[in-house]
Amino acid sequence: MADKQLHVTAGAGSGRPWAPAVTAPASRPLGHLEAVFVQSAKKFSSGGDTVTLGGVSPTLYFASRPTWEVGQLQTRDFVALWDHGERSFAEEPPSAVLAFFDPLLQADEAPPDDVTVVLRDPVLLGDALTYAIEVVAGIVPADTGGCSVFIDVSSGSIAPFAVG
């Protein structure tokens, strides 16, 4: 599980240890986290077996084991690591929950229900991130407002990453 690793350090000049930036894949294990990655977008759409997150923000992560860690990395860096390592995301696709929100909904309107999926083949074009998906549970809406994708590292299909 140590094959897919990121070396994460505090952002240059930030002086904030809680605002890491990815510098390069780690050459040796520095510590391992069982993290959840979160990607949020302003707009969600789907078509067939794909979903697209429009206006996607940087990818956040948080972990409580073995230590408490939080941070963010550019989504392009997250996508670039998809097929790296022996147990890469490409070889063992992660499970995720699509959670919907829409700030334009009226008080009595509810967003679509959450959907559990398996993610594959990410493609990032500008600020639009598209995944091929396999639906595990739920119904994927055709389009809606905002969406957050909670990508589960502890499911065994995603190797932890190193933090330094």
Protein backbone atom coordinates (compact mmCIF):
# COMPACT_ATOMS: atom_id res chain seq x y z
CA MET A 1 0.00 0.00 0.00
CA ALA A 2 3.00 2.30 0.18
CA ASP A 3 3.38 2.54 -3.59
CA LYS A 4 1.08 5.51 -4.15
CA GLN A 5 2.45 8.40 -2.18
CA LEU A 6 2.42 12.15 -2.18
CA HIS A 7 5.00 14.25 -0.46
CA VAL A 8 3.05 17.02 1.20
CA THR A 9 4.67 20.10 2.70
CA ALA A 10 3.38 23.46 3.88
CA GLY A 11 2.67 25.89 1.04
CA ALA A 12 5.58 28.14 0.17
CA GLY A 13 5.53 31.25 2.31
CA SER A 14 2.19 30.40 3.86
CA GLY A 15 3.55 29.83 7.34
CA ARG A 16 0.51 27.61 7.87
CA PRO A 17 1.19 23.93 8.50
CA TRP A 18 -2.49 23.20 7.83
CA ALA A 19 -2.24 24.45 4.22
CA PRO A 20 -0.03 21.85 2.54
CA ALA A 21 0.88 21.82 -1.12
CA VAL A 22 1.94 18.78 -3.12
CA THR A 23 5.55 19.11 -4.17
CA ALA A 24 6.33 15.74 -5.83
CA PRO A 25 5.71 12.04 -5.44
CA ALA A 26 7.60 10.88 -2.37
CA SER A 27 10.73 8.83 -2.92
CA ARG A 28 10.33 7.06 0.43
CA PRO A 29 7.48 6.57 2.89
CA LEU A 30 7.29 9.45 5.33
CA GLY A 31 4.10 8.44 7.09
CA HIS A 32 0.82 6.98 5.98
CA LEU A 33 -2.67 8.38 6.29
CA GLU A 34 -6.01 6.72 5.75
CA ALA A 35 -7.66 9.75 4.24
CA VAL A 36 -10.92 10.78 2.68
CA PHE A 37 -10.59 13.06 -0.34
CA VAL A 38 -13.31 15.61 -1.02
CA GLN A 39 -13.95 17.35 -4.33
CA SER A 40 -16.62 20.05 -4.52
CA ALA A 41 -18.10 21.64 -7.60
CA LYS A 42 -20.59 24.37 -8.44
CA LYS A 43 -22.43 22.30 -11.05
CA PHE A 44 -23.10 18.59 -11.56
CA SER A 45 -24.19 16.79 -14.70
CA SER A 46 -24.30 13.18 -15.85
CA GLY A 47 -24.70 11.29 -19.07
CA GLY A 48 -24.81 7.53 -19.37
CA ASP A 49 -21.94 6.17 -17.32
CA THR A 50 -20.13 9.48 -16.69
CA VAL A 51 -20.48 12.40 -14.30
CA THR A 52 -18.99 15.87 -14.65
CA LEU A 53 -18.17 18.27 -11.85
CA GLY A 54 -18.20 21.81 -13.24
CA GLY A 55 -16.28 24.52 -11.41
CA VAL A 56 -14.39 21.96 -9.33
CA SER A 57 -12.31 23.37 -6.47
CA PRO A 58 -8.99 22.03 -5.09
CA THR A 59 -9.18 18.52 -3.66
CA LEU A 60 -9.33 18.46 0.12
CA TYR A 61 -8.29 15.57 2.32
CA PHE A 62 -8.68 14.69 5.97
CA ALA A 63 -7.59 11.78 8.08
CA SER A 64 -7.77 10.73 11.70
CA ARG A 65 -5.47 7.69 11.50
CA PRO A 66 -2.71 7.30 12.39
CA THR A 67 -2.58 11.05 13.01
CA TRP A 68 -4.98 13.91 12.47
CA GLU A 69 -4.16 15.56 9.13
CA VAL A 70 -6.05 17.97 6.89
CA GLY A 71 -5.00 19.72 3.72
CA GLN A 72 -5.60 20.34 0.07
CA LEU A 73 -3.93 19.74 -3.25
CA GLN A 74 -4.63 20.90 -6.74
CA THR A 75 -7.15 18.63 -8.42
CA ARG A 76 -4.80 18.31 -11.40
CA ASP A 77 -2.20 16.77 -9.04
CA PHE A 78 -4.79 14.34 -7.67
CA VAL A 79 -5.79 13.30 -11.21
CA ALA A 80 -2.13 12.96 -12.25
CA LEU A 81 -1.61 10.34 -9.53
CA TRP A 82 -4.57 8.20 -10.65
CA ASP A 83 -2.49 5.57 -12.46
CA HIS A 84 0.73 5.72 -10.41
CA GLY A 85 1.93 2.90 -8.19
CA GLU A 86 1.36 -0.80 -7.83
CA ARG A 87 -2.11 -0.42 -6.27
CA SER A 88 -3.13 2.65 -8.22
CA PHE A 89 -6.64 4.05 -8.44
CA ALA A 90 -6.66 2.83 -12.06
CA GLU A 91 -6.04 -0.76 -10.90
CA GLU A 92 -8.29 -0.60 -7.85
CA PRO A 93 -10.92 2.11 -8.43
CA PRO A 94 -12.11 3.95 -5.31
CA SER A 95 -15.64 4.06 -4.01
CA ALA A 96 -17.20 7.45 -3.43
CA VAL A 97 -20.39 9.15 -2.34
CA LEU A 98 -21.88 11.91 -4.46
CA ALA A 99 -23.61 14.36 -2.09
CA PHE A 100 -25.68 17.10 -3.70
CA PHE A 101 -26.44 20.64 -2.61
CA ASP A 102 -27.94 23.58 -4.43
CA PRO A 103 -27.92 27.03 -2.85
CA LEU A 104 -30.67 28.12 -5.26
CA LEU A 105 -33.23 25.63 -3.93
CA GLN A 106 -36.21 27.01 -2.04
CA ALA A 107 -36.47 26.19 1.67
CA ASP A 108 -39.04 23.44 1.02
CA GLU A 109 -37.05 21.83 -1.84
CA ALA A 110 -34.57 19.04 -1.17
CA PRO A 111 -31.49 18.26 -3.25
CA PRO A 112 -31.19 14.81 -4.87
CA ASP A 113 -30.37 11.90 -2.56
CA ASP A 114 -26.76 10.80 -2.13
CA VAL A 115 -25.42 8.21 -4.58
CA THR A 116 -22.66 5.65 -3.97
CA VAL A 117 -20.43 5.01 -6.98
CA VAL A 118 -17.10 3.56 -8.06
CA LEU A 119 -14.94 6.15 -9.83
CA ARG A 120 -12.81 5.48 -12.92
CA ASP A 121 -10.85 7.34 -15.59
CA PRO A 122 -10.83 10.97 -14.42
CA VAL A 123 -10.39 13.65 -17.07
CA LEU A 124 -9.79 17.27 -16.05
CA LEU A 125 -10.39 19.97 -18.67
CA GLY A 126 -10.09 23.44 -17.21
CA ASP A 127 -12.29 23.38 -14.11
CA ALA A 128 -14.49 20.49 -15.32
CA LEU A 129 -13.68 17.06 -13.92
CA THR A 130 -15.31 14.02 -15.53
CA TYR A 131 -15.33 10.48 -14.12
CA ALA A 132 -16.60 7.23 -15.57
CA ILE A 133 -18.78 5.68 -12.86
CA GLU A 134 -20.39 2.46 -11.79
CA VAL A 135 -23.45 3.08 -9.60
CA VAL A 136 -23.46 1.00 -6.39
CA ALA A 137 -26.55 2.52 -4.77
CA GLY A 138 -28.90 5.35 -5.61
CA ILE A 139 -30.03 7.22 -8.69
CA VAL A 140 -27.70 9.67 -10.42
CA PRO A 141 -29.51 12.90 -11.39
CA ALA A 142 -29.10 14.27 -14.92
CA ASP A 143 -27.95 17.63 -13.57
CA THR A 144 -28.20 19.72 -10.47
CA GLY A 145 -26.43 22.51 -8.66
CA GLY A 146 -23.48 21.78 -6.45
CA CYS A 147 -22.00 18.42 -5.61
CA SER A 148 -19.35 17.12 -3.24
CA VAL A 149 -17.62 13.83 -3.93
CA PHE A 150 -16.31 11.97 -0.86
CA ILE A 151 -13.64 9.52 -2.03
CA ASP A 152 -12.98 6.76 0.49
CA VAL A 153 -9.34 5.77 0.95
CA SER A 154 -10.03 3.25 3.72
CA SER A 155 -12.05 0.98 1.42
CA GLY A 156 -8.84 -0.86 0.62
CA SER A 157 -8.81 0.21 -3.00
CA ILE A 158 -6.78 3.36 -2.44
CA ALA A 159 -3.30 3.30 -1.03
CA PRO A 160 -2.44 5.84 1.68
CA PHE A 161 -0.19 8.71 0.79
CA ALA A 162 2.93 9.92 2.54
CA VAL A 163 3.10 13.19 4.38
CA GLY A 164 6.30 14.95 5.35
